[in-house]
Amino acid sequence: MRKINTMRFGEIEISEDKIVHFSRGIPAFEDEHEFVIIPYDEESPYYFMQSLKSPELAFLITTPFVFFPDYSIEVDDETMNELNIQNSEDVLLYSIITIPNGSIRYMTANLLAPLIVNTENMQAKQLVMEKTRYNTKHRLFPDRGVE
């Protein structure tokens, strides 16, 4: 077990096998290599991806299929090798969420650059896709008046 400090959750204890490792960091956060994924709550489709190094850094993420059932990506061979992915069943996909001006109504998911986690070895990468119809700002609630 490892104790970490977080701004949102205070001091928490996490199991070493729950630590997600980004060998190259995340674009714009290249010095951040270790995170833990914490459910928002039992019923929620949202999670926090909390940095182990920086208490103030936590990304709001979701499984994209909850909001975009037709979402599909192709993971290239380089990423498959880099993360040592043997089976598609071992892969979890997440999208980073942005909440513009704190308004839930306008939340967007980055479908262009999903987070790929190999659950067998907890190696991960943010894959920036090329030649795709996806972008960084897909509205989660495009037609609903959610506040």
N, C-alpha and C. Protein backbone atom coordinates (compact mmCIF):
# COMPACT_ATOMS: atom_id res chain seq x y z
N MET A 1 0.84 -1.18 0.00
CA MET A 1 0.00 0.00 0.00
C MET A 1 0.89 1.25 0.00
N ARG A 2 0.38 2.28 -0.65
CA ARG A 2 1.11 3.54 -0.72
C ARG A 2 0.16 4.67 -0.34
N LYS A 3 0.64 5.59 0.48
CA LYS A 3 -0.16 6.76 0.84
C LYS A 3 0.17 7.89 -0.11
N ILE A 4 -0.88 8.56 -0.61
CA ILE A 4 -0.66 9.74 -1.46
C ILE A 4 -1.53 10.87 -0.95
N ASN A 5 -1.08 12.08 -1.22
CA ASN A 5 -1.86 13.27 -0.88
C ASN A 5 -2.56 13.77 -2.11
N THR A 6 -3.82 14.16 -1.94
CA THR A 6 -4.59 14.72 -3.04
C THR A 6 -5.34 15.94 -2.54
N MET A 7 -5.58 16.88 -3.42
CA MET A 7 -6.37 18.05 -3.03
C MET A 7 -7.83 17.67 -2.84
N ARG A 8 -8.36 16.83 -3.73
CA ARG A 8 -9.78 16.50 -3.72
C ARG A 8 -10.16 15.49 -2.63
N PHE A 9 -9.30 14.50 -2.38
CA PHE A 9 -9.64 13.40 -1.48
C PHE A 9 -8.84 13.39 -0.18
N GLY A 10 -7.90 14.32 -0.03
CA GLY A 10 -7.03 14.31 1.14
C GLY A 10 -6.00 13.20 1.00
N GLU A 11 -5.55 12.66 2.12
CA GLU A 11 -4.59 11.57 2.06
C GLU A 11 -5.35 10.26 1.86
N ILE A 12 -4.92 9.49 0.86
CA ILE A 12 -5.56 8.19 0.61
C ILE A 12 -4.50 7.11 0.50
N GLU A 13 -4.92 5.88 0.76
CA GLU A 13 -4.03 4.73 0.60
C GLU A 13 -4.45 3.98 -0.64
N ILE A 14 -3.46 3.65 -1.46
CA ILE A 14 -3.76 2.90 -2.68
C ILE A 14 -2.87 1.68 -2.77
N SER A 15 -3.39 0.67 -3.39
CA SER A 15 -2.63 -0.55 -3.61
C SER A 15 -1.70 -0.34 -4.80
N GLU A 16 -0.49 -0.85 -4.70
CA GLU A 16 0.49 -0.69 -5.78
C GLU A 16 -0.04 -1.22 -7.11
N ASP A 17 -0.86 -2.27 -7.07
CA ASP A 17 -1.36 -2.86 -8.32
C ASP A 17 -2.47 -2.05 -8.97
N LYS A 18 -2.88 -0.96 -8.33
CA LYS A 18 -3.89 -0.07 -8.91
C LYS A 18 -3.26 1.16 -9.58
N ILE A 19 -1.94 1.26 -9.52
CA ILE A 19 -1.25 2.42 -10.10
C ILE A 19 -1.14 2.24 -11.61
N VAL A 20 -1.61 3.25 -12.34
CA VAL A 20 -1.54 3.26 -13.79
C VAL A 20 -0.27 4.01 -14.18
N HIS A 21 0.55 3.38 -15.04
CA HIS A 21 1.85 3.93 -15.41
C HIS A 21 1.83 4.43 -16.86
N PHE A 22 2.12 5.71 -17.03
CA PHE A 22 2.27 6.32 -18.36
C PHE A 22 3.77 6.55 -18.54
N SER A 23 4.45 5.71 -19.30
CA SER A 23 5.90 5.81 -19.40
C SER A 23 6.36 7.15 -19.98
N ARG A 24 5.57 7.72 -20.87
CA ARG A 24 5.92 9.02 -21.48
C ARG A 24 5.10 10.18 -20.91
N GLY A 25 4.36 9.91 -19.87
CA GLY A 25 3.46 10.94 -19.35
C GLY A 25 2.27 11.09 -20.28
N ILE A 26 1.60 12.22 -20.16
CA ILE A 26 0.44 12.54 -20.99
C ILE A 26 0.79 13.84 -21.71
N PRO A 27 0.38 14.00 -22.97
CA PRO A 27 0.69 15.26 -23.66
C PRO A 27 0.34 16.48 -22.80
N ALA A 28 1.29 17.37 -22.67
CA ALA A 28 1.23 18.59 -21.85
C ALA A 28 1.50 18.30 -20.37
N PHE A 29 1.59 17.03 -20.01
CA PHE A 29 1.93 16.62 -18.63
C PHE A 29 2.96 15.50 -18.70
N GLU A 30 4.02 15.72 -19.45
CA GLU A 30 5.02 14.69 -19.71
C GLU A 30 5.76 14.22 -18.46
N ASP A 31 5.77 15.03 -17.41
CA ASP A 31 6.47 14.66 -16.18
C ASP A 31 5.58 13.87 -15.22
N GLU A 32 4.33 13.66 -15.60
CA GLU A 32 3.39 12.92 -14.75
C GLU A 32 3.30 11.49 -15.28
N HIS A 33 3.78 10.53 -14.49
CA HIS A 33 3.86 9.15 -14.97
C HIS A 33 2.98 8.17 -14.21
N GLU A 34 2.57 8.51 -12.99
CA GLU A 34 1.79 7.58 -12.18
C GLU A 34 0.47 8.21 -11.75
N PHE A 35 -0.58 7.44 -11.95
CA PHE A 35 -1.93 7.90 -11.60
C PHE A 35 -2.69 6.75 -10.95
N VAL A 36 -3.77 7.09 -10.29
CA VAL A 36 -4.71 6.09 -9.81
C VAL A 36 -6.10 6.54 -10.27
N ILE A 37 -6.93 5.58 -10.67
CA ILE A 37 -8.27 5.89 -11.15
C ILE A 37 -9.24 5.63 -10.01
N ILE A 38 -9.97 6.69 -9.65
CA ILE A 38 -10.87 6.66 -8.50
C ILE A 38 -12.30 6.90 -9.00
N PRO A 39 -13.23 5.97 -8.73
CA PRO A 39 -14.62 6.19 -9.15
C PRO A 39 -15.20 7.44 -8.48
N TYR A 40 -16.01 8.19 -9.24
CA TYR A 40 -16.69 9.36 -8.68
C TYR A 40 -17.64 8.89 -7.57
N ASP A 41 -18.43 7.89 -7.87
CA ASP A 41 -19.22 7.14 -6.89
C ASP A 41 -19.69 5.85 -7.56
N GLU A 42 -20.34 4.99 -6.82
CA GLU A 42 -20.72 3.67 -7.34
C GLU A 42 -21.62 3.73 -8.57
N GLU A 43 -22.51 4.69 -8.63
CA GLU A 43 -23.51 4.76 -9.70
C GLU A 43 -23.06 5.61 -10.89
N SER A 44 -21.98 6.30 -10.76
CA SER A 44 -21.57 7.30 -11.74
C SER A 44 -20.74 6.72 -12.89
N PRO A 45 -20.90 7.30 -14.09
CA PRO A 45 -20.04 6.90 -15.21
C PRO A 45 -18.70 7.67 -15.21
N TYR A 46 -18.47 8.48 -14.18
CA TYR A 46 -17.28 9.32 -14.12
C TYR A 46 -16.27 8.77 -13.13
N TYR A 47 -15.00 9.10 -13.42
CA TYR A 47 -13.88 8.72 -12.57
C TYR A 47 -12.94 9.91 -12.49
N PHE A 48 -12.09 9.89 -11.47
CA PHE A 48 -10.98 10.84 -11.40
C PHE A 48 -9.71 10.05 -11.65
N MET A 49 -8.85 10.59 -12.49
CA MET A 49 -7.53 10.02 -12.67
C MET A 49 -6.57 10.95 -11.94
N GLN A 50 -6.20 10.54 -10.74
CA GLN A 50 -5.42 11.35 -9.82
C GLN A 50 -3.93 11.08 -9.98
N SER A 51 -3.16 12.16 -10.12
CA SER A 51 -1.70 12.05 -10.18
C SER A 51 -1.16 11.66 -8.81
N LEU A 52 -0.16 10.78 -8.79
CA LEU A 52 0.49 10.43 -7.54
C LEU A 52 1.56 11.45 -7.18
N LYS A 53 2.07 12.16 -8.18
CA LYS A 53 3.14 13.13 -7.98
C LYS A 53 2.60 14.51 -7.57
N SER A 54 1.51 14.94 -8.19
CA SER A 54 0.99 16.30 -7.99
C SER A 54 -0.40 16.24 -7.36
N PRO A 55 -0.52 16.57 -6.07
CA PRO A 55 -1.81 16.47 -5.38
C PRO A 55 -2.94 17.26 -6.05
N GLU A 56 -2.58 18.35 -6.73
CA GLU A 56 -3.60 19.21 -7.35
C GLU A 56 -4.05 18.73 -8.73
N LEU A 57 -3.40 17.70 -9.28
CA LEU A 57 -3.71 17.27 -10.64
C LEU A 57 -4.58 16.01 -10.64
N ALA A 58 -5.82 16.19 -11.08
CA ALA A 58 -6.74 15.06 -11.26
C ALA A 58 -7.59 15.37 -12.49
N PHE A 59 -7.65 14.42 -13.39
CA PHE A 59 -8.46 14.57 -14.60
C PHE A 59 -9.81 13.89 -14.36
N LEU A 60 -10.88 14.52 -14.81
CA LEU A 60 -12.18 13.88 -14.83
C LEU A 60 -12.24 13.06 -16.10
N ILE A 61 -12.56 11.76 -15.99
CA ILE A 61 -12.58 10.88 -17.15
C ILE A 61 -13.86 10.06 -17.15
N THR A 62 -14.14 9.44 -18.28
CA THR A 62 -15.28 8.53 -18.40
C THR A 62 -14.95 7.44 -19.41
N THR A 63 -15.73 6.39 -19.38
CA THR A 63 -15.65 5.38 -20.42
C THR A 63 -16.46 5.92 -21.60
N PRO A 64 -15.85 6.14 -22.75
CA PRO A 64 -16.56 6.84 -23.84
C PRO A 64 -17.81 6.12 -24.33
N PHE A 65 -17.87 4.81 -24.20
CA PHE A 65 -19.00 4.05 -24.74
C PHE A 65 -20.31 4.35 -24.01
N VAL A 66 -20.24 4.86 -22.79
CA VAL A 66 -21.44 5.22 -22.04
C VAL A 66 -22.19 6.33 -22.78
N PHE A 67 -21.47 7.29 -23.31
CA PHE A 67 -22.07 8.44 -23.98
C PHE A 67 -22.05 8.31 -25.50
N PHE A 68 -21.13 7.52 -26.01
CA PHE A 68 -20.96 7.36 -27.47
C PHE A 68 -20.88 5.87 -27.80
N PRO A 69 -22.04 5.18 -27.82
CA PRO A 69 -22.04 3.72 -28.01
C PRO A 69 -21.39 3.26 -29.31
N ASP A 70 -21.36 4.11 -30.33
CA ASP A 70 -20.77 3.74 -31.61
C ASP A 70 -19.28 4.09 -31.72
N TYR A 71 -18.72 4.61 -30.64
CA TYR A 71 -17.31 5.00 -30.64
C TYR A 71 -16.44 3.79 -30.95
N SER A 72 -15.49 3.98 -31.83
CA SER A 72 -14.56 2.89 -32.12
C SER A 72 -13.19 3.48 -32.45
N ILE A 73 -12.17 2.75 -32.05
CA ILE A 73 -10.81 3.18 -32.37
C ILE A 73 -10.03 1.97 -32.84
N GLU A 74 -8.97 2.26 -33.52
CA GLU A 74 -8.04 1.21 -33.92
C GLU A 74 -6.72 1.50 -33.23
N VAL A 75 -6.30 0.58 -32.41
CA VAL A 75 -5.03 0.75 -31.70
C VAL A 75 -3.92 0.23 -32.61
N ASP A 76 -2.95 1.09 -32.90
CA ASP A 76 -1.87 0.73 -33.82
C ASP A 76 -0.91 -0.28 -33.18
N ASP A 77 -0.14 -0.95 -34.02
CA ASP A 77 0.79 -1.98 -33.56
C ASP A 77 1.83 -1.43 -32.59
N GLU A 78 2.28 -0.21 -32.84
CA GLU A 78 3.28 0.40 -31.95
C GLU A 78 2.74 0.50 -30.53
N THR A 79 1.49 0.96 -30.39
CA THR A 79 0.87 1.09 -29.07
C THR A 79 0.64 -0.29 -28.45
N MET A 80 0.18 -1.24 -29.26
CA MET A 80 -0.02 -2.61 -28.76
C MET A 80 1.28 -3.16 -28.17
N ASN A 81 2.38 -2.94 -28.88
CA ASN A 81 3.69 -3.42 -28.41
C ASN A 81 4.18 -2.64 -27.21
N GLU A 82 4.03 -1.32 -27.27
CA GLU A 82 4.49 -0.46 -26.18
C GLU A 82 3.82 -0.81 -24.86
N LEU A 83 2.52 -1.11 -24.91
CA LEU A 83 1.77 -1.43 -23.69
C LEU A 83 1.73 -2.94 -23.42
N ASN A 84 2.36 -3.71 -24.31
CA ASN A 84 2.39 -5.17 -24.20
C ASN A 84 0.97 -5.75 -24.10
N ILE A 85 0.10 -5.30 -24.98
CA ILE A 85 -1.29 -5.77 -25.00
C ILE A 85 -1.34 -7.11 -25.74
N GLN A 86 -1.85 -8.12 -25.04
CA GLN A 86 -1.97 -9.45 -25.63
C GLN A 86 -3.41 -9.74 -26.07
N ASN A 87 -4.39 -9.20 -25.35
CA ASN A 87 -5.81 -9.44 -25.61
C ASN A 87 -6.59 -8.15 -25.53
N SER A 88 -7.58 -7.99 -26.36
CA SER A 88 -8.41 -6.78 -26.30
C SER A 88 -9.22 -6.74 -25.00
N GLU A 89 -9.46 -7.91 -24.38
CA GLU A 89 -10.21 -7.95 -23.11
C GLU A 89 -9.44 -7.29 -21.96
N ASP A 90 -8.14 -7.14 -22.13
CA ASP A 90 -7.31 -6.54 -21.08
C ASP A 90 -7.23 -5.02 -21.18
N VAL A 91 -7.93 -4.45 -22.16
CA VAL A 91 -7.81 -3.02 -22.43
C VAL A 91 -9.03 -2.26 -21.91
N LEU A 92 -8.76 -1.19 -21.19
CA LEU A 92 -9.80 -0.24 -20.80
C LEU A 92 -9.54 1.06 -21.54
N LEU A 93 -10.62 1.68 -22.00
CA LEU A 93 -10.52 2.98 -22.68
C LEU A 93 -11.21 4.03 -21.85
N TYR A 94 -10.59 5.19 -21.77
CA TYR A 94 -11.19 6.33 -21.08
C TYR A 94 -11.02 7.56 -21.95
N SER A 95 -11.89 8.53 -21.74
CA SER A 95 -11.78 9.84 -22.39
C SER A 95 -11.69 10.89 -21.30
N ILE A 96 -10.83 11.86 -21.52
CA ILE A 96 -10.73 12.99 -20.59
C ILE A 96 -11.88 13.95 -20.87
N ILE A 97 -12.50 14.40 -19.80
CA ILE A 97 -13.64 15.31 -19.89
C ILE A 97 -13.20 16.73 -19.56
N THR A 98 -13.76 17.67 -20.28
CA THR A 98 -13.56 19.09 -20.00
C THR A 98 -14.92 19.68 -19.63
N ILE A 99 -14.92 20.53 -18.61
CA ILE A 99 -16.16 21.21 -18.20
C ILE A 99 -15.94 22.71 -18.41
N PRO A 100 -16.33 23.23 -19.59
CA PRO A 100 -16.08 24.65 -19.88
C PRO A 100 -16.84 25.56 -18.90
N ASN A 101 -16.13 26.47 -18.31
CA ASN A 101 -16.70 27.44 -17.37
C ASN A 101 -17.50 26.77 -16.26
N GLY A 102 -17.16 25.53 -15.92
CA GLY A 102 -17.84 24.83 -14.84
C GLY A 102 -19.26 24.40 -15.16
N SER A 103 -19.67 24.49 -16.42
CA SER A 103 -21.05 24.15 -16.80
C SER A 103 -21.16 22.70 -17.26
N ILE A 104 -21.83 21.89 -16.46
CA ILE A 104 -22.03 20.47 -16.80
C ILE A 104 -22.75 20.33 -18.14
N ARG A 105 -23.63 21.26 -18.42
CA ARG A 105 -24.39 21.21 -19.67
C ARG A 105 -23.49 21.15 -20.90
N TYR A 106 -22.32 21.79 -20.82
CA TYR A 106 -21.43 21.89 -21.98
C TYR A 106 -20.20 20.97 -21.87
N MET A 107 -20.26 19.97 -20.98
CA MET A 107 -19.13 19.05 -20.84
C MET A 107 -18.81 18.39 -22.17
N THR A 108 -17.51 18.21 -22.41
CA THR A 108 -17.08 17.54 -23.63
C THR A 108 -16.11 16.42 -23.28
N ALA A 109 -16.05 15.44 -24.18
CA ALA A 109 -15.11 14.34 -24.04
C ALA A 109 -14.12 14.40 -25.19
N ASN A 110 -12.87 14.12 -24.89
CA ASN A 110 -11.83 14.08 -25.90
C ASN A 110 -11.82 12.67 -26.50
N LEU A 111 -12.48 12.52 -27.66
CA LEU A 111 -12.51 11.23 -28.34
C LEU A 111 -11.35 11.07 -29.30
N LEU A 112 -10.66 12.15 -29.58
CA LEU A 112 -9.50 12.11 -30.49
C LEU A 112 -8.30 11.42 -29.84
N ALA A 113 -8.18 11.58 -28.54
CA ALA A 113 -7.00 11.07 -27.84
C ALA A 113 -7.41 10.27 -26.60
N PRO A 114 -7.89 9.04 -26.80
CA PRO A 114 -8.32 8.24 -25.65
C PRO A 114 -7.14 7.78 -24.80
N LEU A 115 -7.45 7.50 -23.55
CA LEU A 115 -6.48 6.89 -22.64
C LEU A 115 -6.65 5.38 -22.75
N ILE A 116 -5.58 4.69 -23.03
CA ILE A 116 -5.62 3.23 -23.19
C ILE A 116 -4.86 2.62 -22.03
N VAL A 117 -5.52 1.73 -21.28
CA VAL A 117 -4.90 1.10 -20.12
C VAL A 117 -4.91 -0.41 -20.31
N ASN A 118 -3.73 -1.01 -20.21
CA ASN A 118 -3.61 -2.47 -20.22
C ASN A 118 -3.78 -2.91 -18.77
N THR A 119 -4.90 -3.56 -18.44
CA THR A 119 -5.18 -3.93 -17.06
C THR A 119 -4.30 -5.07 -16.56
N GLU A 120 -3.62 -5.77 -17.46
CA GLU A 120 -2.74 -6.86 -17.06
C GLU A 120 -1.45 -6.34 -16.42
N ASN A 121 -0.91 -5.23 -16.95
CA ASN A 121 0.35 -4.70 -16.41
C ASN A 121 0.23 -3.24 -15.96
N MET A 122 -0.96 -2.67 -16.11
CA MET A 122 -1.26 -1.28 -15.72
C MET A 122 -0.41 -0.25 -16.46
N GLN A 123 0.06 -0.61 -17.65
CA GLN A 123 0.75 0.34 -18.52
C GLN A 123 -0.32 1.08 -19.32
N ALA A 124 -0.07 2.38 -19.57
CA ALA A 124 -1.09 3.19 -20.24
C ALA A 124 -0.44 4.22 -21.15
N LYS A 125 -1.30 4.75 -22.01
CA LYS A 125 -0.85 5.77 -22.97
C LYS A 125 -2.06 6.57 -23.41
N GLN A 126 -1.85 7.85 -23.66
CA GLN A 126 -2.88 8.63 -24.33
C GLN A 126 -2.54 8.56 -25.82
N LEU A 127 -3.41 7.93 -26.57
CA LEU A 127 -3.19 7.72 -28.00
C LEU A 127 -3.85 8.84 -28.79
N VAL A 128 -3.04 9.65 -29.44
CA VAL A 128 -3.58 10.72 -30.29
C VAL A 128 -3.75 10.13 -31.68
N MET A 129 -5.02 9.96 -32.07
CA MET A 129 -5.31 9.31 -33.34
C MET A 129 -5.17 10.28 -34.50
N GLU A 130 -4.86 9.72 -35.65
CA GLU A 130 -4.76 10.49 -36.88
C GLU A 130 -5.82 9.99 -37.85
N LYS A 131 -6.20 10.83 -38.79
CA LYS A 131 -7.17 10.45 -39.82
C LYS A 131 -8.42 9.84 -39.20
N THR A 132 -9.09 10.61 -38.39
CA THR A 132 -10.29 10.15 -37.72
C THR A 132 -11.35 11.23 -37.75
N ARG A 133 -12.58 10.84 -37.57
CA ARG A 133 -13.68 11.82 -37.54
C ARG A 133 -13.85 12.43 -36.16
N TYR A 134 -13.12 11.91 -35.17
CA TYR A 134 -13.26 12.39 -33.80
C TYR A 134 -12.42 13.64 -33.56
N ASN A 135 -12.85 14.42 -32.56
CA ASN A 135 -12.09 15.59 -32.16
C ASN A 135 -11.97 15.62 -30.64
N THR A 136 -11.47 16.72 -30.11
CA THR A 136 -11.22 16.81 -28.67
C THR A 136 -12.43 17.32 -27.88
N LYS A 137 -13.51 17.70 -28.57
CA LYS A 137 -14.63 18.32 -27.86
C LYS A 137 -15.99 17.77 -28.33
N HIS A 138 -16.26 16.53 -27.97
CA HIS A 138 -17.58 15.94 -28.27
C HIS A 138 -18.48 16.19 -27.06
N ARG A 139 -19.59 16.86 -27.29
CA ARG A 139 -20.53 17.19 -26.19
C ARG A 139 -21.15 15.92 -25.62
N LEU A 140 -21.16 15.81 -24.30
CA LEU A 140 -21.78 14.66 -23.65
C LEU A 140 -23.30 14.77 -23.65
N PHE A 141 -23.80 15.99 -23.55
CA PHE A 141 -25.25 16.23 -23.50
C PHE A 141 -25.61 17.24 -24.60
N PRO A 142 -25.56 16.86 -25.87
CA PRO A 142 -25.72 17.82 -26.95
C PRO A 142 -27.12 18.46 -27.03
N ASP A 143 -28.15 17.71 -26.69
CA ASP A 143 -29.51 18.26 -26.88
C ASP A 143 -30.30 18.38 -25.59
N ARG A 144 -29.70 18.02 -24.50
CA ARG A 144 -30.45 18.05 -23.24
C ARG A 144 -30.15 19.31 -22.47
N GLY A 145 -31.12 19.75 -21.72
CA GLY A 145 -30.95 20.94 -20.88
C GLY A 145 -30.44 20.58 -19.52
N VAL A 146 -29.35 19.86 -19.42
CA VAL A 146 -28.79 19.45 -18.12
C VAL A 146 -27.99 20.60 -17.54
N GLU A 147 -28.17 20.86 -16.29
CA GLU A 147 -27.40 21.92 -15.62
C GLU A 147 -26.55 21.35 -14.51
